[in-house]
Structures are given as structure tokens and as C-alpha cells.
PDB file of N, CA and C in Angstrom:
ATOM      1  N   UNK A   1       1.599   0.714 -31.689  1.00  0.00           N
ATOM      2  CA  UNK A   1       0.712   0.111 -30.713  1.00  0.00           C
ATOM      3  C   UNK A   1      -0.534   0.981 -30.601  1.00  0.00           C
ATOM      4  N   UNK A   2      -1.686   0.342 -30.533  1.00  0.00           N
ATOM      5  CA  UNK A   2      -2.942   1.067 -30.361  1.00  0.00           C
ATOM      6  C   UNK A   2      -3.106   1.497 -28.908  1.00  0.00           C
ATOM      7  N   UNK A   3      -3.911   2.517 -28.709  1.00  0.00           N
ATOM      8  CA  UNK A   3      -4.212   3.001 -27.371  1.00  0.00           C
ATOM      9  C   UNK A   3      -5.670   2.705 -27.058  1.00  0.00           C
ATOM     10  N   UNK A   4      -5.923   2.217 -25.848  1.00  0.00           N
ATOM     11  CA  UNK A   4      -7.259   1.892 -25.395  1.00  0.00           C
ATOM     12  C   UNK A   4      -7.566   2.737 -24.163  1.00  0.00           C
ATOM     13  N   UNK A   5      -8.710   3.377 -24.164  1.00  0.00           N
ATOM     14  CA  UNK A   5      -9.129   4.159 -23.010  1.00  0.00           C
ATOM     15  C   UNK A   5     -10.278   3.431 -22.329  1.00  0.00           C
ATOM     16  N   UNK A   6     -10.131   3.203 -21.030  1.00  0.00           N
ATOM     17  CA  UNK A   6     -11.156   2.514 -20.254  1.00  0.00           C
ATOM     18  C   UNK A   6     -11.615   3.437 -19.140  1.00  0.00           C
ATOM     19  N   UNK A   7     -12.920   3.641 -19.050  1.00  0.00           N
ATOM     20  CA  UNK A   7     -13.486   4.447 -17.976  1.00  0.00           C
ATOM     21  C   UNK A   7     -13.793   3.539 -16.793  1.00  0.00           C
ATOM     22  N   UNK A   8     -13.127   3.797 -15.682  1.00  0.00           N
ATOM     23  CA  UNK A   8     -13.304   2.993 -14.477  1.00  0.00           C
ATOM     24  C   UNK A   8     -14.095   3.824 -13.474  1.00  0.00           C
ATOM     25  N   UNK A   9     -15.227   3.293 -13.003  1.00  0.00           N
ATOM     26  CA  UNK A   9     -16.036   4.041 -12.042  1.00  0.00           C
ATOM     27  C   UNK A   9     -15.219   4.395 -10.796  1.00  0.00           C
ATOM     28  N   UNK A  10     -15.463   5.568 -10.225  1.00  0.00           N
ATOM     29  CA  UNK A  10     -14.674   6.011  -9.068  1.00  0.00           C
ATOM     30  C   UNK A  10     -14.807   5.104  -7.852  1.00  0.00           C
ATOM     31  N   UNK A  11     -15.921   4.366  -7.734  1.00  0.00           N
ATOM     32  CA  UNK A  11     -16.086   3.484  -6.570  1.00  0.00           C
ATOM     33  C   UNK A  11     -15.198   2.245  -6.647  1.00  0.00           C
ATOM     34  N   UNK A  12     -14.630   1.982  -7.816  1.00  0.00           N
ATOM     35  CA  UNK A  12     -13.672   0.880  -7.939  1.00  0.00           C
ATOM     36  C   UNK A  12     -12.296   1.462  -7.648  1.00  0.00           C
ATOM     37  N   UNK A  13     -11.769   1.083  -6.513  1.00  0.00           N
ATOM     38  CA  UNK A  13     -10.500   1.645  -6.064  1.00  0.00           C
ATOM     39  C   UNK A  13      -9.348   0.809  -6.619  1.00  0.00           C
ATOM     40  N   UNK A  14      -8.885   1.161  -7.794  1.00  0.00           N
ATOM     41  CA  UNK A  14      -7.771   0.441  -8.403  1.00  0.00           C
ATOM     42  C   UNK A  14      -6.844   1.430  -9.085  1.00  0.00           C
ATOM     43  N   UNK A  15      -5.644   0.984  -9.311  1.00  0.00           N
ATOM     44  CA  UNK A  15      -4.643   1.824  -9.962  1.00  0.00           C
ATOM     45  C   UNK A  15      -4.540   1.445 -11.429  1.00  0.00           C
ATOM     46  N   UNK A  16      -4.117   2.384 -12.250  1.00  0.00           N
ATOM     47  CA  UNK A  16      -3.933   2.124 -13.675  1.00  0.00           C
ATOM     48  C   UNK A  16      -2.997   0.952 -13.891  1.00  0.00           C
ATOM     49  N   UNK A  17      -1.932   0.877 -13.094  1.00  0.00           N
ATOM     50  CA  UNK A  17      -0.975  -0.216 -13.225  1.00  0.00           C
ATOM     51  C   UNK A  17      -1.658  -1.567 -13.048  1.00  0.00           C
ATOM     52  N   UNK A  18      -2.551  -1.680 -12.050  1.00  0.00           N
ATOM     53  CA  UNK A  18      -3.246  -2.949 -11.813  1.00  0.00           C
ATOM     54  C   UNK A  18      -4.083  -3.353 -13.018  1.00  0.00           C
ATOM     55  N   UNK A  19      -4.755  -2.402 -13.631  1.00  0.00           N
ATOM     56  CA  UNK A  19      -5.577  -2.700 -14.802  1.00  0.00           C
ATOM     57  C   UNK A  19      -4.694  -3.171 -15.955  1.00  0.00           C
ATOM     58  N   UNK A  20      -3.563  -2.528 -16.143  1.00  0.00           N
ATOM     59  CA  UNK A  20      -2.635  -2.944 -17.196  1.00  0.00           C
ATOM     60  C   UNK A  20      -2.138  -4.366 -16.945  1.00  0.00           C
ATOM     61  N   UNK A  21      -1.808  -4.670 -15.704  1.00  0.00           N
ATOM     62  CA  UNK A  21      -1.317  -5.999 -15.367  1.00  0.00           C
ATOM     63  C   UNK A  21      -2.424  -7.036 -15.542  1.00  0.00           C
ATOM     64  N   UNK A  22      -3.638  -6.732 -15.077  1.00  0.00           N
ATOM     65  CA  UNK A  22      -4.750  -7.672 -15.243  1.00  0.00           C
ATOM     66  C   UNK A  22      -4.947  -8.017 -16.715  1.00  0.00           C
ATOM     67  N   UNK A  23      -4.966  -7.005 -17.547  1.00  0.00           N
ATOM     68  CA  UNK A  23      -5.155  -7.220 -18.979  1.00  0.00           C
ATOM     69  C   UNK A  23      -4.000  -8.029 -19.563  1.00  0.00           C
ATOM     70  N   UNK A  24      -2.796  -7.617 -19.269  1.00  0.00           N
ATOM     71  CA  UNK A  24      -1.620  -8.309 -19.803  1.00  0.00           C
ATOM     72  C   UNK A  24      -1.577  -9.759 -19.310  1.00  0.00           C
ATOM     73  N   UNK A  25      -1.867  -9.980 -18.041  1.00  0.00           N
ATOM     74  CA  UNK A  25      -1.831 -11.330 -17.475  1.00  0.00           C
ATOM     75  C   UNK A  25      -2.887 -12.218 -18.114  1.00  0.00           C
ATOM     76  N   UNK A  26      -4.074 -11.679 -18.327  1.00  0.00           N
ATOM     77  CA  UNK A  26      -5.144 -12.471 -18.952  1.00  0.00           C
ATOM     78  C   UNK A  26      -4.788 -12.818 -20.394  1.00  0.00           C
ATOM     79  N   UNK A  27      -4.264 -11.873 -21.135  1.00  0.00           N
ATOM     80  CA  UNK A  27      -3.873 -12.146 -22.522  1.00  0.00           C
ATOM     81  C   UNK A  27      -2.724 -13.145 -22.573  1.00  0.00           C
ATOM     82  N   UNK A  28      -1.835 -13.084 -21.597  1.00  0.00           N
ATOM     83  CA  UNK A  28      -0.747 -14.062 -21.500  1.00  0.00           C
ATOM     84  C   UNK A  28      -1.306 -15.440 -21.146  1.00  0.00           C
ATOM     85  N   UNK A  29      -2.190 -15.479 -20.161  1.00  0.00           N
ATOM     86  CA  UNK A  29      -2.785 -16.745 -19.716  1.00  0.00           C
ATOM     87  C   UNK A  29      -3.544 -17.432 -20.853  1.00  0.00           C
ATOM     88  N   UNK A  30      -4.210 -16.660 -21.688  1.00  0.00           N
ATOM     89  CA  UNK A  30      -4.973 -17.201 -22.814  1.00  0.00           C
ATOM     90  C   UNK A  30      -4.105 -17.462 -24.044  1.00  0.00           C
ATOM     91  N   UNK A  31      -2.790 -17.299 -23.890  1.00  0.00           N
ATOM     92  CA  UNK A  31      -1.808 -17.541 -24.962  1.00  0.00           C
ATOM     93  C   UNK A  31      -2.015 -16.641 -26.170  1.00  0.00           C
ATOM     94  N   UNK A  32      -2.558 -15.455 -25.933  1.00  0.00           N
ATOM     95  CA  UNK A  32      -2.708 -14.472 -27.009  1.00  0.00           C
ATOM     96  C   UNK A  32      -1.412 -13.686 -27.161  1.00  0.00           C
ATOM     97  N   UNK A  33      -0.723 -13.469 -26.028  1.00  0.00           N
ATOM     98  CA  UNK A  33       0.550 -12.756 -26.019  1.00  0.00           C
ATOM     99  C   UNK A  33       1.632 -13.608 -25.374  1.00  0.00           C
ATOM    100  N   UNK A  34       2.863 -13.389 -25.783  1.00  0.00           N
ATOM    101  CA  UNK A  34       4.000 -13.994 -25.096  1.00  0.00           C
ATOM    102  C   UNK A  34       4.255 -13.192 -23.816  1.00  0.00           C
ATOM    103  N   UNK A  35       5.103 -13.703 -22.966  1.00  0.00           N
ATOM    104  CA  UNK A  35       5.441 -12.983 -21.731  1.00  0.00           C
ATOM    105  C   UNK A  35       6.072 -11.635 -22.051  1.00  0.00           C
ATOM    106  N   UNK A  36       6.916 -11.589 -23.065  1.00  0.00           N
ATOM    107  CA  UNK A  36       7.551 -10.333 -23.454  1.00  0.00           C
ATOM    108  C   UNK A  36       6.555  -9.307 -23.961  1.00  0.00           C
ATOM    109  N   UNK A  37       5.607  -9.758 -24.766  1.00  0.00           N
ATOM    110  CA  UNK A  37       4.584  -8.849 -25.290  1.00  0.00           C
ATOM    111  C   UNK A  37       3.681  -8.346 -24.165  1.00  0.00           C
ATOM    112  N   UNK A  38       3.313  -9.247 -23.255  1.00  0.00           N
ATOM    113  CA  UNK A  38       2.471  -8.856 -22.127  1.00  0.00           C
ATOM    114  C   UNK A  38       3.191  -7.864 -21.222  1.00  0.00           C
ATOM    115  N   UNK A  39       4.473  -8.091 -21.010  1.00  0.00           N
ATOM    116  CA  UNK A  39       5.267  -7.173 -20.189  1.00  0.00           C
ATOM    117  C   UNK A  39       5.297  -5.790 -20.813  1.00  0.00           C
ATOM    118  N   UNK A  40       5.376  -5.738 -22.128  1.00  0.00           N
ATOM    119  CA  UNK A  40       5.382  -4.446 -22.816  1.00  0.00           C
ATOM    120  C   UNK A  40       4.068  -3.699 -22.585  1.00  0.00           C
ATOM    121  N   UNK A  41       2.945  -4.409 -22.640  1.00  0.00           N
ATOM    122  CA  UNK A  41       1.649  -3.787 -22.368  1.00  0.00           C
ATOM    123  C   UNK A  41       1.598  -3.267 -20.935  1.00  0.00           C
ATOM    124  N   UNK A  42       2.150  -4.057 -20.012  1.00  0.00           N
ATOM    125  CA  UNK A  42       2.147  -3.667 -18.600  1.00  0.00           C
ATOM    126  C   UNK A  42       3.130  -2.540 -18.316  1.00  0.00           C
ATOM    127  N   UNK A  43       4.065  -2.317 -19.230  1.00  0.00           N
ATOM    128  CA  UNK A  43       5.037  -1.246 -19.049  1.00  0.00           C
ATOM    129  C   UNK A  43       6.162  -1.609 -18.103  1.00  0.00           C
ATOM    130  N   UNK A  44       6.454  -2.907 -17.998  1.00  0.00           N
ATOM    131  CA  UNK A  44       7.517  -3.368 -17.119  1.00  0.00           C
ATOM    132  C   UNK A  44       8.403  -4.352 -17.876  1.00  0.00           C
ATOM    133  N   UNK A  45       9.504  -4.755 -17.256  1.00  0.00           N
ATOM    134  CA  UNK A  45      10.387  -5.720 -17.899  1.00  0.00           C
ATOM    135  C   UNK A  45       9.732  -7.107 -17.902  1.00  0.00           C
ATOM    136  N   UNK A  46      10.203  -7.943 -18.787  1.00  0.00           N
ATOM    137  CA  UNK A  46       9.687  -9.312 -18.865  1.00  0.00           C
ATOM    138  C   UNK A  46       9.916 -10.035 -17.541  1.00  0.00           C
ATOM    139  N   UNK A  47      11.090  -9.849 -16.979  1.00  0.00           N
ATOM    140  CA  UNK A  47      11.397 -10.495 -15.701  1.00  0.00           C
ATOM    141  C   UNK A  47      10.431 -10.048 -14.607  1.00  0.00           C
ATOM    142  N   UNK A  48      10.182  -8.753 -14.508  1.00  0.00           N
ATOM    143  CA  UNK A  48       9.257  -8.239 -13.490  1.00  0.00           C
ATOM    144  C   UNK A  48       7.845  -8.775 -13.719  1.00  0.00           C
ATOM    145  N   UNK A  49       7.437  -8.849 -14.986  1.00  0.00           N
ATOM    146  CA  UNK A  49       6.102  -9.368 -15.311  1.00  0.00           C
ATOM    147  C   UNK A  49       5.962 -10.811 -14.830  1.00  0.00           C
ATOM    148  N   UNK A  50       6.938 -11.638 -15.154  1.00  0.00           N
ATOM    149  CA  UNK A  50       6.888 -13.044 -14.756  1.00  0.00           C
ATOM    150  C   UNK A  50       6.884 -13.174 -13.234  1.00  0.00           C
ATOM    151  N   UNK A  51       7.657 -12.325 -12.567  1.00  0.00           N
ATOM    152  CA  UNK A  51       7.747 -12.393 -11.105  1.00  0.00           C
ATOM    153  C   UNK A  51       6.432 -12.038 -10.414  1.00  0.00           C
ATOM    154  N   UNK A  52       5.626 -11.170 -11.008  1.00  0.00           N
ATOM    155  CA  UNK A  52       4.395 -10.755 -10.326  1.00  0.00           C
ATOM    156  C   UNK A  52       3.135 -11.462 -10.826  1.00  0.00           C
ATOM    157  N   UNK A  53       3.259 -12.331 -11.816  1.00  0.00           N
ATOM    158  CA  UNK A  53       2.083 -13.036 -12.334  1.00  0.00           C
ATOM    159  C   UNK A  53       1.294 -13.749 -11.245  1.00  0.00           C
ATOM    160  N   UNK A  54       1.986 -14.396 -10.325  1.00  0.00           N
ATOM    161  CA  UNK A  54       1.323 -15.138  -9.259  1.00  0.00           C
ATOM    162  C   UNK A  54       0.415 -14.277  -8.399  1.00  0.00           C
ATOM    163  N   UNK A  55       0.776 -13.007  -8.242  1.00  0.00           N
ATOM    164  CA  UNK A  55      -0.050 -12.083  -7.453  1.00  0.00           C
ATOM    165  C   UNK A  55      -1.391 -11.829  -8.131  1.00  0.00           C
ATOM    166  N   UNK A  56      -1.477 -12.120  -9.414  1.00  0.00           N
ATOM    167  CA  UNK A  56      -2.695 -11.895 -10.180  1.00  0.00           C
ATOM    168  C   UNK A  56      -3.351 -13.217 -10.589  1.00  0.00           C
ATOM    169  N   UNK A  57      -2.934 -14.306  -9.945  1.00  0.00           N
ATOM    170  CA  UNK A  57      -3.559 -15.598 -10.160  1.00  0.00           C
ATOM    171  C   UNK A  57      -3.214 -16.292 -11.462  1.00  0.00           C
ATOM    172  N   UNK A  58      -2.079 -15.939 -12.048  1.00  0.00           N
ATOM    173  CA  UNK A  58      -1.676 -16.529 -13.321  1.00  0.00           C
ATOM    174  C   UNK A  58      -0.331 -17.237 -13.138  1.00  0.00           C
ATOM    175  N   UNK A  59      -0.246 -18.447 -13.671  1.00  0.00           N
ATOM    176  CA  UNK A  59       0.998 -19.197 -13.611  1.00  0.00           C
ATOM    177  C   UNK A  59       1.970 -18.669 -14.659  1.00  0.00           C
ATOM    178  N   UNK A  60       3.232 -18.619 -14.311  1.00  0.00           N
ATOM    179  CA  UNK A  60       4.264 -18.174 -15.254  1.00  0.00           C
ATOM    180  C   UNK A  60       4.613 -19.275 -16.244  1.00  0.00           C
ATOM    181  N   UNK A  61       4.126 -20.480 -15.989  1.00  0.00           N
ATOM    182  CA  UNK A  61       4.434 -21.609 -16.846  1.00  0.00           C
ATOM    183  C   UNK A  61       3.276 -21.874 -17.794  1.00  0.00           C
ATOM    184  N   UNK A  62       3.601 -22.082 -19.059  1.00  0.00           N
ATOM    185  CA  UNK A  62       2.581 -22.352 -20.062  1.00  0.00           C
ATOM    186  C   UNK A  62       1.941 -23.712 -19.865  1.00  0.00           C
ATOM    187  N   UNK A  63       0.935 -23.982 -20.652  1.00  0.00           N
ATOM    188  CA  UNK A  63       0.212 -25.237 -20.575  1.00  0.00           C
ATOM    189  C   UNK A  63       0.990 -26.400 -21.188  1.00  0.00           C
ATOM    190  N   UNK A  64       1.923 -26.085 -22.076  1.00  0.00           N
ATOM    191  CA  UNK A  64       2.630 -27.161 -22.756  1.00  0.00           C
ATOM    192  C   UNK A  64       4.046 -26.724 -23.109  1.00  0.00           C
ATOM    193  N   UNK A  65       4.807 -27.673 -23.588  1.00  0.00           N
ATOM    194  CA  UNK A  65       6.151 -27.382 -24.053  1.00  0.00           C
ATOM    195  C   UNK A  65       6.109 -26.422 -25.235  1.00  0.00           C
ATOM    196  N   UNK A  66       5.101 -26.544 -26.082  1.00  0.00           N
ATOM    197  CA  UNK A  66       4.957 -25.640 -27.227  1.00  0.00           C
ATOM    198  C   UNK A  66       4.762 -24.197 -26.771  1.00  0.00           C
ATOM    199  N   UNK A  67       4.024 -24.004 -25.677  1.00  0.00           N
ATOM    200  CA  UNK A  67       3.854 -22.653 -25.144  1.00  0.00           C
ATOM    201  C   UNK A  67       5.184 -22.076 -24.694  1.00  0.00           C
ATOM    202  N   UNK A  68       5.983 -22.882 -24.034  1.00  0.00           N
ATOM    203  CA  UNK A  68       7.299 -22.432 -23.575  1.00  0.00           C
ATOM    204  C   UNK A  68       8.183 -22.087 -24.768  1.00  0.00           C
ATOM    205  N   UNK A  69       8.180 -22.925 -25.781  1.00  0.00           N
ATOM    206  CA  UNK A  69       8.973 -22.667 -26.971  1.00  0.00           C
ATOM    207  C   UNK A  69       8.522 -21.382 -27.659  1.00  0.00           C
ATOM    208  N   UNK A  70       7.223 -21.136 -27.675  1.00  0.00           N
ATOM    209  CA  UNK A  70       6.681 -19.922 -28.268  1.00  0.00           C
ATOM    210  C   UNK A  70       7.166 -18.685 -27.510  1.00  0.00           C
ATOM    211  N   UNK A  71       7.130 -18.757 -26.177  1.00  0.00           N
ATOM    212  CA  UNK A  71       7.608 -17.638 -25.365  1.00  0.00           C
ATOM    213  C   UNK A  71       9.081 -17.363 -25.623  1.00  0.00           C
ATOM    214  N   UNK A  72       9.869 -18.421 -25.726  1.00  0.00           N
ATOM    215  CA  UNK A  72      11.293 -18.261 -25.956  1.00  0.00           C
ATOM    216  C   UNK A  72      11.550 -17.630 -27.315  1.00  0.00           C
ATOM    217  N   UNK A  73      10.821 -18.072 -28.331  1.00  0.00           N
ATOM    218  CA  UNK A  73      11.041 -17.531 -29.682  1.00  0.00           C
ATOM    219  C   UNK A  73      10.537 -16.094 -29.802  1.00  0.00           C
ATOM    220  N   UNK A  74       9.572 -15.695 -28.974  1.00  0.00           N
ATOM    221  CA  UNK A  74       9.049 -14.333 -29.032  1.00  0.00           C
ATOM    222  C   UNK A  74       9.750 -13.378 -28.067  1.00  0.00           C
ATOM    223  N   UNK A  75      10.718 -13.884 -27.320  1.00  0.00           N
ATOM    224  CA  UNK A  75      11.413 -13.058 -26.322  1.00  0.00           C
ATOM    225  C   UNK A  75      12.317 -12.044 -26.978  1.00  0.00           C
TER     226      UNK A  75
END
């Protein structure tokens, strides 16, 4: 896995975990990653990732049946 370093200005009061979740959730929402892959980026279990998606404005349900099948096959 590649490592990405992001410089966050000190006036933005956020935690590293939040940034990881935002990134993982967006990549999941855009169907670039499966839920399992996104959870790995976030550093949490797949179940925990799915449970907290709503807090970040992302639905845990894909846009189509094909998205769901893709998540299942990539789990």
C-alpha cells in the first residue's frame, strides 16, 4: 500500500482519523473502492466502516445491485 502525506493547516481542527474516513468514504461513494478496501484505508473493520458512513454523509447502500454484488465479491 502506498503512503500519502497531507499537510493540514493548524486552523483546521480535525483528527487524522476523520481525514482517513473522509477519504475512504468518498472513494467508497464513488465506487472506486469496496467497503472492505475503504475500511482498510480507514484502519477499521468493514463492519465499523459501514456503521459510521452515515455520520460522514455517505449511504452504506450502493447505487445498484451490481454495486452490492461487487462489494460482496471484494469482501
